[in-house]
PDB file of N, CA and C in Angstrom:
ATOM      1  N   MET A   1       6.585 -13.483   6.399  1.00  0.00           N
ATOM      2  CA  MET A   1       7.319 -12.582   5.322  1.00  0.00           C
ATOM      3  C   MET A   1       6.711 -11.308   5.071  1.00  0.00           C
ATOM      4  N   LYS A   2       7.522 -10.367   4.963  1.00  0.00           N
ATOM      5  CA  LYS A   2       7.045  -8.924   4.847  1.00  0.00           C
ATOM      6  C   LYS A   2       6.547  -8.552   3.817  1.00  0.00           C
ATOM      7  N   ASN A   3       5.591  -7.573   3.417  1.00  0.00           N
ATOM      8  CA  ASN A   3       5.141  -6.787   2.480  1.00  0.00           C
ATOM      9  C   ASN A   3       6.182  -5.682   2.232  1.00  0.00           C
ATOM     10  N   ASN A   4       7.153  -5.996   1.087  1.00  0.00           N
ATOM     11  CA  ASN A   4       7.978  -4.972   0.759  1.00  0.00           C
ATOM     12  C   ASN A   4       7.222  -3.565   0.476  1.00  0.00           C
ATOM     13  N   GLU A   5       6.108  -3.594  -0.471  1.00  0.00           N
ATOM     14  CA  GLU A   5       5.645  -2.223  -0.647  1.00  0.00           C
ATOM     15  C   GLU A   5       5.085  -1.628   0.458  1.00  0.00           C
ATOM     16  N   ILE A   6       4.539  -2.074   1.338  1.00  0.00           N
ATOM     17  CA  ILE A   6       4.094  -1.548   2.567  1.00  0.00           C
ATOM     18  C   ILE A   6       5.327  -1.075   3.469  1.00  0.00           C
ATOM     19  N   ASP A   7       6.217  -2.024   3.617  1.00  0.00           N
ATOM     20  CA  ASP A   7       7.358  -1.354   4.191  1.00  0.00           C
ATOM     21  C   ASP A   7       7.994  -0.334   3.622  1.00  0.00           C
ATOM     22  N   LYS A   8       8.205   0.160   2.381  1.00  0.00           N
ATOM     23  CA  LYS A   8       8.500   1.182   1.780  1.00  0.00           C
ATOM     24  C   LYS A   8       7.499   2.400   2.182  1.00  0.00           C
ATOM     25  N   ALA A   9       6.418   2.043   1.919  1.00  0.00           N
ATOM     26  CA  ALA A   9       5.334   3.150   2.344  1.00  0.00           C
ATOM     27  C   ALA A   9       5.550   3.452   3.836  1.00  0.00           C
ATOM     28  N   ILE A  10       5.859   2.728   4.615  1.00  0.00           N
ATOM     29  CA  ILE A  10       5.929   2.894   6.148  1.00  0.00           C
ATOM     30  C   ILE A  10       7.346   3.786   6.179  1.00  0.00           C
ATOM     31  N   ARG A  11       8.474   3.273   5.610  1.00  0.00           N
ATOM     32  CA  ARG A  11       9.665   4.331   5.788  1.00  0.00           C
ATOM     33  C   ARG A  11       9.484   5.542   5.124  1.00  0.00           C
ATOM     34  N   ILE A  12       8.621   5.848   4.129  1.00  0.00           N
ATOM     35  CA  ILE A  12       8.492   7.296   3.460  1.00  0.00           C
ATOM     36  C   ILE A  12       7.604   8.065   4.514  1.00  0.00           C
ATOM     37  N   ALA A  13       6.635   7.459   5.150  1.00  0.00           N
ATOM     38  CA  ALA A  13       5.699   8.059   6.116  1.00  0.00           C
ATOM     39  C   ALA A  13       6.494   8.106   7.395  1.00  0.00           C
ATOM     40  N   GLY A  14       7.469   7.536   7.544  1.00  0.00           N
ATOM     41  CA  GLY A  14       8.147   7.831   9.022  1.00  0.00           C
ATOM     42  C   GLY A  14       8.098   6.556   9.971  1.00  0.00           C
ATOM     43  N   SER A  15       6.716   6.084   9.988  1.00  0.00           N
ATOM     44  CA  SER A  15       6.537   4.954  10.998  1.00  0.00           C
ATOM     45  C   SER A  15       4.993   4.330  10.638  1.00  0.00           C
ATOM     46  N   GLN A  16       4.672   3.130  11.160  1.00  0.00           N
ATOM     47  CA  GLN A  16       3.435   2.548  10.862  1.00  0.00           C
ATOM     48  C   GLN A  16       2.281   3.516  11.520  1.00  0.00           C
ATOM     49  N   LYS A  17       2.707   4.137  12.530  1.00  0.00           N
ATOM     50  CA  LYS A  17       1.626   5.164  13.235  1.00  0.00           C
ATOM     51  C   LYS A  17       1.509   6.215  12.364  1.00  0.00           C
ATOM     52  N   ALA A  18       2.408   6.743  11.780  1.00  0.00           N
ATOM     53  CA  ALA A  18       2.243   7.919  11.045  1.00  0.00           C
ATOM     54  C   ALA A  18       1.497   7.583   9.634  1.00  0.00           C
ATOM     55  N   LEU A  19       1.936   6.562   9.119  1.00  0.00           N
ATOM     56  CA  LEU A  19       1.244   6.001   7.942  1.00  0.00           C
ATOM     57  C   LEU A  19      -0.339   5.812   8.216  1.00  0.00           C
ATOM     58  N   GLY A  20      -0.583   5.153   9.164  1.00  0.00           N
ATOM     59  CA  GLY A  20      -1.994   4.953   9.724  1.00  0.00           C
ATOM     60  C   GLY A  20      -2.801   6.136   9.784  1.00  0.00           C
ATOM     61  N   LYS A  21      -2.115   7.304  10.104  1.00  0.00           N
ATOM     62  CA  LYS A  21      -2.676   8.335  10.544  1.00  0.00           C
ATOM     63  C   LYS A  21      -3.133   8.909   9.274  1.00  0.00           C
ATOM     64  N   LYS A  22      -1.801   9.053   8.315  1.00  0.00           N
ATOM     65  CA  LYS A  22      -2.347   9.861   6.929  1.00  0.00           C
ATOM     66  C   LYS A  22      -3.322   9.313   6.267  1.00  0.00           C
ATOM     67  N   ILE A  23      -3.833   7.810   6.349  1.00  0.00           N
ATOM     68  CA  ILE A  23      -4.757   7.395   5.598  1.00  0.00           C
ATOM     69  C   ILE A  23      -5.932   6.935   6.448  1.00  0.00           C
ATOM     70  N   GLY A  24      -6.031   7.453   7.848  1.00  0.00           N
ATOM     71  CA  GLY A  24      -7.085   7.319   8.109  1.00  0.00           C
ATOM     72  C   GLY A  24      -7.277   5.759   8.700  1.00  0.00           C
ATOM     73  N   ARG A  25      -6.406   5.001   9.218  1.00  0.00           N
ATOM     74  CA  ARG A  25      -6.252   3.717   9.584  1.00  0.00           C
ATOM     75  C   ARG A  25      -5.604   3.512  10.951  1.00  0.00           C
ATOM     76  N   ALA A  26      -5.797   2.375  11.494  1.00  0.00           N
ATOM     77  CA  ALA A  26      -4.926   2.173  12.832  1.00  0.00           C
ATOM     78  C   ALA A  26      -3.601   1.518  12.570  1.00  0.00           C
ATOM     79  N   GLN A  27      -2.672   1.980  13.496  1.00  0.00           N
ATOM     80  CA  GLN A  27      -1.358   1.326  13.410  1.00  0.00           C
ATOM     81  C   GLN A  27      -1.492  -0.016  13.236  1.00  0.00           C
ATOM     82  N   SER A  28      -2.311  -0.732  14.273  1.00  0.00           N
ATOM     83  CA  SER A  28      -2.524  -2.233  13.976  1.00  0.00           C
ATOM     84  C   SER A  28      -2.867  -2.967  12.707  1.00  0.00           C
ATOM     85  N   THR A  29      -3.670  -2.097  11.748  1.00  0.00           N
ATOM     86  CA  THR A  29      -4.111  -2.318  10.383  1.00  0.00           C
ATOM     87  C   THR A  29      -2.705  -2.229   9.459  1.00  0.00           C
ATOM     88  N   VAL A  30      -1.909  -1.122   9.818  1.00  0.00           N
ATOM     89  CA  VAL A  30      -0.793  -1.079   8.938  1.00  0.00           C
ATOM     90  C   VAL A  30       0.124  -2.410   9.220  1.00  0.00           C
ATOM     91  N   CYS A  31       0.183  -2.495  10.605  1.00  0.00           N
ATOM     92  CA  CYS A  31       1.102  -3.906  10.813  1.00  0.00           C
ATOM     93  C   CYS A  31       0.520  -5.148  10.224  1.00  0.00           C
ATOM     94  N   ASP A  32      -0.833  -5.252  10.244  1.00  0.00           N
ATOM     95  CA  ASP A  32      -1.303  -6.411   9.649  1.00  0.00           C
ATOM     96  C   ASP A  32      -1.045  -6.476   8.067  1.00  0.00           C
ATOM     97  N   TRP A  33      -1.267  -5.416   7.424  1.00  0.00           N
ATOM     98  CA  TRP A  33      -0.720  -5.264   5.939  1.00  0.00           C
ATOM     99  C   TRP A  33       0.760  -5.524   5.840  1.00  0.00           C
ATOM    100  N   LEU A  34       1.428  -4.933   6.702  1.00  0.00           N
ATOM    101  CA  LEU A  34       2.951  -5.460   6.657  1.00  0.00           C
ATOM    102  C   LEU A  34       3.288  -6.830   6.699  1.00  0.00           C
ATOM    103  N   HIS A  35       2.588  -7.604   7.597  1.00  0.00           N
ATOM    104  CA  HIS A  35       2.952  -8.965   7.614  1.00  0.00           C
ATOM    105  C   HIS A  35       1.952 -10.068   7.044  1.00  0.00           C
ATOM    106  N   ASN A  36       1.228  -9.139   5.918  1.00  0.00           N
ATOM    107  CA  ASN A  36       0.439  -9.958   5.086  1.00  0.00           C
ATOM    108  C   ASN A  36      -0.758 -10.618   5.719  1.00  0.00           C
ATOM    109  N   ARG A  37      -1.233 -10.061   7.077  1.00  0.00           N
ATOM    110  CA  ARG A  37      -2.350 -10.967   7.623  1.00  0.00           C
ATOM    111  C   ARG A  37      -3.727 -10.237   7.018  1.00  0.00           C
ATOM    112  N   LYS A  38      -3.758  -9.073   6.504  1.00  0.00           N
ATOM    113  CA  LYS A  38      -4.680  -8.511   5.846  1.00  0.00           C
ATOM    114  C   LYS A  38      -4.229  -7.575   4.404  1.00  0.00           C
ATOM    115  N   ARG A  39      -5.347  -7.550   3.560  1.00  0.00           N
ATOM    116  CA  ARG A  39      -4.792  -6.966   2.399  1.00  0.00           C
ATOM    117  C   ARG A  39      -5.399  -5.437   2.444  1.00  0.00           C
ATOM    118  N   VAL A  40      -4.634  -4.582   1.711  1.00  0.00           N
ATOM    119  CA  VAL A  40      -4.851  -3.209   1.548  1.00  0.00           C
ATOM    120  C   VAL A  40      -6.304  -2.954   0.840  1.00  0.00           C
ATOM    121  N   ALA A  41      -7.212  -2.413   1.279  1.00  0.00           N
ATOM    122  CA  ALA A  41      -8.553  -2.240   0.823  1.00  0.00           C
ATOM    123  C   ALA A  41      -8.147  -1.208  -0.692  1.00  0.00           C
ATOM    124  N   PRO A  42      -9.102  -1.704  -1.640  1.00  0.00           N
ATOM    125  CA  PRO A  42      -8.842  -0.983  -2.907  1.00  0.00           C
ATOM    126  C   PRO A  42      -9.003   0.556  -2.761  1.00  0.00           C
ATOM    127  N   GLU A  43      -9.896   0.969  -1.831  1.00  0.00           N
ATOM    128  CA  GLU A  43     -10.212   2.588  -1.766  1.00  0.00           C
ATOM    129  C   GLU A  43      -8.768   3.244  -1.061  1.00  0.00           C
ATOM    130  N   VAL A  44      -7.849   2.319  -0.517  1.00  0.00           N
ATOM    131  CA  VAL A  44      -6.625   3.070   0.228  1.00  0.00           C
ATOM    132  C   VAL A  44      -5.609   3.074  -0.772  1.00  0.00           C
ATOM    133  N   VAL A  45      -5.325   2.394  -1.622  1.00  0.00           N
ATOM    134  CA  VAL A  45      -4.654   2.266  -2.479  1.00  0.00           C
ATOM    135  C   VAL A  45      -4.108   3.601  -3.247  1.00  0.00           C
ATOM    136  N   PRO A  46      -5.007   4.257  -3.743  1.00  0.00           N
ATOM    137  CA  PRO A  46      -4.676   5.625  -4.605  1.00  0.00           C
ATOM    138  C   PRO A  46      -4.007   6.616  -3.258  1.00  0.00           C
ATOM    139  N   ILE A  47      -4.402   6.469  -2.182  1.00  0.00           N
ATOM    140  CA  ILE A  47      -3.704   7.371  -1.189  1.00  0.00           C
ATOM    141  C   ILE A  47      -2.340   6.894  -0.667  1.00  0.00           C
ATOM    142  N   LEU A  48      -2.188   5.613  -0.783  1.00  0.00           N
ATOM    143  CA  LEU A  48      -0.741   4.968  -0.357  1.00  0.00           C
ATOM    144  C   LEU A  48      -0.014   5.506  -1.558  1.00  0.00           C
ATOM    145  N   VAL A  49      -0.512   5.311  -2.913  1.00  0.00           N
ATOM    146  CA  VAL A  49       0.400   5.870  -4.021  1.00  0.00           C
ATOM    147  C   VAL A  49       0.756   7.225  -3.970  1.00  0.00           C
ATOM    148  N   ASP A  50      -0.106   7.957  -3.295  1.00  0.00           N
ATOM    149  CA  ASP A  50       0.053   9.538  -3.227  1.00  0.00           C
ATOM    150  C   ASP A  50       1.281   9.801  -2.084  1.00  0.00           C
ATOM    151  N   ILE A  51       0.936   8.982  -0.932  1.00  0.00           N
ATOM    152  CA  ILE A  51       1.759   9.164   0.255  1.00  0.00           C
ATOM    153  C   ILE A  51       3.168   8.782  -0.427  1.00  0.00           C
ATOM    154  N   THR A  52       3.382   7.665  -1.099  1.00  0.00           N
ATOM    155  CA  THR A  52       4.786   7.347  -1.584  1.00  0.00           C
ATOM    156  C   THR A  52       5.432   8.196  -2.747  1.00  0.00           C
ATOM    157  N   GLY A  53       4.459   9.240  -3.103  1.00  0.00           N
ATOM    158  CA  GLY A  53       5.088  10.066  -4.335  1.00  0.00           C
ATOM    159  C   GLY A  53       5.151   9.167  -5.594  1.00  0.00           C
ATOM    160  N   GLY A  54       4.118   8.215  -5.536  1.00  0.00           N
ATOM    161  CA  GLY A  54       4.384   7.379  -6.805  1.00  0.00           C
ATOM    162  C   GLY A  54       5.668   6.451  -6.745  1.00  0.00           C
ATOM    163  N   GLU A  55       6.415   6.331  -5.813  1.00  0.00           N
ATOM    164  CA  GLU A  55       7.355   5.356  -5.729  1.00  0.00           C
ATOM    165  C   GLU A  55       6.719   3.836  -5.721  1.00  0.00           C
ATOM    166  N   VAL A  56       5.742   3.768  -5.147  1.00  0.00           N
ATOM    167  CA  VAL A  56       5.046   2.421  -5.046  1.00  0.00           C
ATOM    168  C   VAL A  56       3.797   2.494  -6.006  1.00  0.00           C
ATOM    169  N   LYS A  57       3.615   1.890  -7.005  1.00  0.00           N
ATOM    170  CA  LYS A  57       2.393   1.845  -7.824  1.00  0.00           C
ATOM    171  C   LYS A  57       0.932   1.009  -7.327  1.00  0.00           C
ATOM    172  N   GLY A  58      -0.070   1.211  -7.796  1.00  0.00           N
ATOM    173  CA  GLY A  58      -1.138   0.698  -7.251  1.00  0.00           C
ATOM    174  C   GLY A  58      -1.102  -0.716  -7.401  1.00  0.00           C
ATOM    175  N   TYR A  59      -0.488  -1.149  -8.619  1.00  0.00           N
ATOM    176  CA  TYR A  59      -0.508  -2.618  -8.924  1.00  0.00           C
ATOM    177  C   TYR A  59       0.328  -3.299  -8.092  1.00  0.00           C
ATOM    178  N   GLU A  60       1.611  -2.530  -7.465  1.00  0.00           N
ATOM    179  CA  GLU A  60       2.310  -3.189  -6.474  1.00  0.00           C
ATOM    180  C   GLU A  60       1.641  -3.620  -5.110  1.00  0.00           C
ATOM    181  N   PHE A  61       0.743  -2.543  -4.883  1.00  0.00           N
ATOM    182  CA  PHE A  61       0.108  -2.986  -3.575  1.00  0.00           C
ATOM    183  C   PHE A  61      -1.167  -3.962  -3.647  1.00  0.00           C
ATOM    184  N   ARG A  62      -1.613  -3.974  -4.910  1.00  0.00           N
ATOM    185  CA  ARG A  62      -2.882  -4.978  -4.896  1.00  0.00           C
ATOM    186  C   ARG A  62      -2.617  -5.567  -6.409  1.00  0.00           C
ATOM    187  N   PRO A  63      -1.567  -6.278  -6.642  1.00  0.00           N
ATOM    188  CA  PRO A  63      -1.592  -7.064  -7.898  1.00  0.00           C
ATOM    189  C   PRO A  63      -2.409  -8.005  -8.297  1.00  0.00           C
ATOM    190  N   ASP A  64      -3.326  -8.461  -7.384  1.00  0.00           N
ATOM    191  CA  ASP A  64      -4.401  -9.577  -7.388  1.00  0.00           C
ATOM    192  C   ASP A  64      -5.678  -8.740  -8.049  1.00  0.00           C
ATOM    193  N   LEU A  65      -5.574  -7.397  -8.254  1.00  0.00           N
ATOM    194  CA  LEU A  65      -6.644  -6.739  -8.903  1.00  0.00           C
ATOM    195  C   LEU A  65      -6.517  -6.030 -10.134  1.00  0.00           C
ATOM    196  N   PRO A  66      -5.943  -6.553 -11.046  1.00  0.00           N
ATOM    197  CA  PRO A  66      -5.517  -6.019 -12.310  1.00  0.00           C
ATOM    198  C   PRO A  66      -6.386  -5.079 -13.245  1.00  0.00           C
ATOM    199  N   THR A  67      -7.690  -5.280 -12.938  1.00  0.00           N
ATOM    200  CA  THR A  67      -8.627  -4.557 -13.662  1.00  0.00           C
ATOM    201  C   THR A  67      -8.653  -3.260 -13.005  1.00  0.00           C
ATOM    202  N   LEU A  68      -8.499  -3.078 -11.594  1.00  0.00           N
ATOM    203  CA  LEU A  68      -8.516  -1.827 -11.125  1.00  0.00           C
ATOM    204  C   LEU A  68      -7.123  -1.166 -10.989  1.00  0.00           C
ATOM    205  N   PHE A  69      -6.240  -2.049 -10.817  1.00  0.00           N
ATOM    206  CA  PHE A  69      -4.829  -1.262 -10.745  1.00  0.00           C
ATOM    207  C   PHE A  69      -3.803  -2.044 -11.919  1.00  0.00           C
ATOM    208  N   PRO A  70      -4.058  -1.735 -13.267  1.00  0.00           N
ATOM    209  CA  PRO A  70      -3.272  -2.561 -14.266  1.00  0.00           C
ATOM    210  C   PRO A  70      -1.698  -2.410 -14.242  1.00  0.00           C
ATOM    211  N   HIS A  71      -1.202  -3.379 -14.437  1.00  0.00           N
ATOM    212  CA  HIS A  71       0.418  -3.141 -14.480  1.00  0.00           C
ATOM    213  C   HIS A  71       0.662  -2.699 -16.009  1.00  0.00           C
ATOM    214  N   PRO A  72       1.490  -1.815 -16.126  1.00  0.00           N
ATOM    215  CA  PRO A  72       1.840  -1.137 -17.426  1.00  0.00           C
ATOM    216  C   PRO A  72       2.226  -2.084 -18.402  1.00  0.00           C
ATOM    217  N   ASP A  73       2.969  -2.913 -18.143  1.00  0.00           N
ATOM    218  CA  ASP A  73       3.689  -3.967 -18.917  1.00  0.00           C
ATOM    219  C   ASP A  73       2.403  -4.873 -19.611  1.00  0.00           C
ATOM    220  N   LYS A  74       1.340  -5.190 -18.898  1.00  0.00           N
ATOM    221  CA  LYS A  74       0.518  -6.079 -19.097  1.00  0.00           C
ATOM    222  C   LYS A  74      -0.844  -5.265 -19.492  1.00  0.00           C
ATOM    223  N   ALA A  75      -0.932  -4.207 -19.513  1.00  0.00           N
ATOM    224  CA  ALA A  75      -1.937  -3.305 -20.187  1.00  0.00           C
ATOM    225  C   ALA A  75      -2.394  -3.828 -21.700  1.00  0.00           C
ATOM    226  N   ALA A  76      -3.475  -4.094 -22.102  1.00  0.00           N
ATOM    227  CA  ALA A  76      -3.636  -4.113 -23.365  1.00  0.00           C
ATOM    228  C   ALA A  76      -3.729  -2.695 -24.261  1.00  0.00           C
TER     229      ALA A  76
END
């Protein structure tokens, strides 16, 4: 199953390789994220949000970390 948020970031960046280059990670790492073999490191999430121009939010990349990337509808 494909990670739709990473897929969108790849489309915005132009390719897996281009996205990897922008964030300082190998294309193979981006591929692992795309196919849910690895999770995006928390320190990379803000960079991905910037690359997507905010089209993909931090909580969408890492919904398992609500303290770091709170969902606006679930914020206290």
